[in-house]
Protein backbone atom coordinates (compact mmCIF):
# COMPACT_ATOMS: atom_id res chain seq x y z
CA MET A 1 13.78 11.03 3.39
CA THR A 2 12.97 9.22 0.18
CA THR A 3 10.06 7.76 -1.61
CA PHE A 4 8.84 4.25 -0.91
CA GLY A 5 9.89 3.23 -4.42
CA ARG A 6 13.36 4.50 -3.91
CA PHE A 7 13.61 2.88 -0.55
CA ILE A 8 12.75 -0.45 -2.21
CA LYS A 9 15.33 0.05 -4.89
CA SER A 10 17.97 0.91 -2.37
CA GLU A 11 17.23 -2.11 -0.35
CA ARG A 12 17.12 -4.44 -3.45
CA GLU A 13 20.50 -3.06 -4.53
CA LYS A 14 22.01 -3.73 -1.13
CA LYS A 15 20.96 -7.34 -1.42
CA GLU A 16 22.56 -7.25 -5.02
CA TRP A 17 19.34 -8.49 -6.48
CA THR A 18 18.18 -7.68 -10.09
CA GLN A 19 14.68 -6.37 -10.54
CA THR A 20 13.95 -9.85 -11.97
CA GLU A 21 15.30 -11.75 -8.98
CA PHE A 22 13.53 -9.40 -6.51
CA GLY A 23 10.31 -9.70 -8.47
CA ALA A 24 10.44 -13.37 -8.35
CA LYS A 25 10.81 -13.39 -4.53
CA ILE A 26 7.94 -11.00 -4.03
CA GLY A 27 5.69 -12.22 -6.80
CA ILE A 28 5.79 -9.23 -9.06
CA ASN A 29 7.23 -9.10 -12.63
CA SER A 30 10.29 -7.03 -13.28
CA SER A 31 8.53 -4.25 -15.44
CA ALA A 32 6.24 -3.63 -12.37
CA ILE A 33 9.27 -3.50 -10.07
CA SER A 34 10.73 -0.91 -12.25
CA ARG A 35 7.70 1.17 -12.23
CA ILE A 36 7.20 0.87 -8.45
CA GLU A 37 10.86 1.94 -7.99
CA ASN A 38 10.44 4.91 -10.22
CA GLY A 39 7.11 5.97 -8.67
CA THR A 40 4.70 5.37 -11.58
CA GLN A 41 3.20 2.27 -9.88
CA LYS A 42 2.10 1.79 -6.41
CA PHE A 43 3.28 -1.13 -4.10
CA SER A 44 0.65 -3.46 -2.90
CA LYS A 45 -0.17 -3.15 0.80
CA SER A 46 -0.73 -6.86 0.99
CA LYS A 47 2.91 -7.52 0.21
CA LEU A 48 4.32 -5.42 3.15
CA SER A 49 4.91 -8.24 5.45
CA LEU A 50 6.81 -10.26 2.73
CA LEU A 51 8.82 -7.20 1.87
CA ALA A 52 9.75 -6.61 5.53
CA GLU A 53 10.91 -10.28 5.60
CA LEU A 54 12.89 -10.02 2.44
CA PHE A 55 14.68 -6.84 3.56
CA GLU A 56 15.15 -8.09 7.08
CA VAL A 57 13.48 -4.93 8.61
CA SER A 58 10.60 -4.62 10.96
CA LEU A 59 7.12 -4.73 9.63
CA GLN A 60 6.40 -1.49 11.47
CA HIS A 61 9.13 0.27 9.69
CA ILE A 62 7.97 -0.85 6.34
CA THR A 63 4.42 0.07 7.12
CA ASP A 64 5.41 3.40 8.41
CA LEU A 65 7.43 4.18 5.17
CA PHE A 66 4.64 2.85 2.96
CA PHE A 67 1.81 5.21 4.51
CA ALA A 68 4.10 8.10 5.00
CA ASP A 69 4.75 7.94 1.36
CA LYS A 70 1.04 7.82 0.59
CA PHE A 71 0.21 10.59 2.91
CA ALA A 72 2.98 12.83 1.54
CA ASN A 73 1.92 12.17 -2.04
CA GLU A 74 -1.78 13.08 -1.14
CA ALA A 75 -0.73 16.21 0.60
CA PHE A 76 1.58 17.28 -2.32
CA LYS A 77 -1.19 16.53 -4.94
CA ASN A 78 -3.65 18.47 -2.87
CA LYS A 79 -1.42 21.39 -2.38
CA CYS A 80 -1.61 21.15 1.35
CA SER A 81 0.54 23.44 3.65
CA ASN A 82 3.11 21.93 5.88
CA ASP A 83 0.59 22.38 8.68
CA ILE A 84 -1.21 19.27 7.67
CA PHE A 85 1.53 17.14 9.14
CA ASN A 86 1.15 18.77 12.49
CA VAL A 87 -2.62 18.43 12.32
CA ALA A 88 -2.36 14.70 11.37
CA LYS A 89 0.09 14.03 14.25
CA GLU A 90 -2.47 15.61 16.45
CA ASN A 91 -5.31 13.46 15.00
CA VAL A 92 -3.29 10.40 15.47
CA GLU A 93 -2.72 11.10 19.14
CA TYR A 94 -6.32 11.91 19.68
CA LEU A 95 -7.28 8.54 18.17
CA ARG A 96 -4.80 6.65 20.20
CA ASN A 97 -6.01 8.30 23.36
CA LYS A 98 -9.59 7.90 22.47
CA ASN A 99 -9.04 4.18 21.89
CA THR A 100 -7.09 3.63 25.05
CA SER A 101 -9.60 5.44 27.15
CA GLN A 102 -12.51 3.48 25.72
CA GLY A 103 -10.76 0.31 26.49
CA LYS A 104 -10.52 0.99 30.13
CA LEU A 105 -13.15 -0.61 32.44
CA GLU A 106 -13.45 0.63 35.97
CA LEU A 107 -15.14 -1.51 38.47
């Protein structure tokens, strides 16, 4: 696995775009692209759809990578154990089941 910034850099390089070219396509200046790729600046959530389109990958994949990176960084900064990932997975399943069961209407 890699960071979201490294993912962006890898995909940009596969397209053979410079940071300036990519920045023009996504609406971010090249110095900000550099900071995003090296992890010192966060990528904007509002641009995920455009990023998926430019890289020709699913929005779900981009969204998953984006939030996984955010979650991993928070867990690392707060010195959480690896158990946090299992707990988070269980919480997501609970929320999905809760929302599904609340949506059912029996007549």
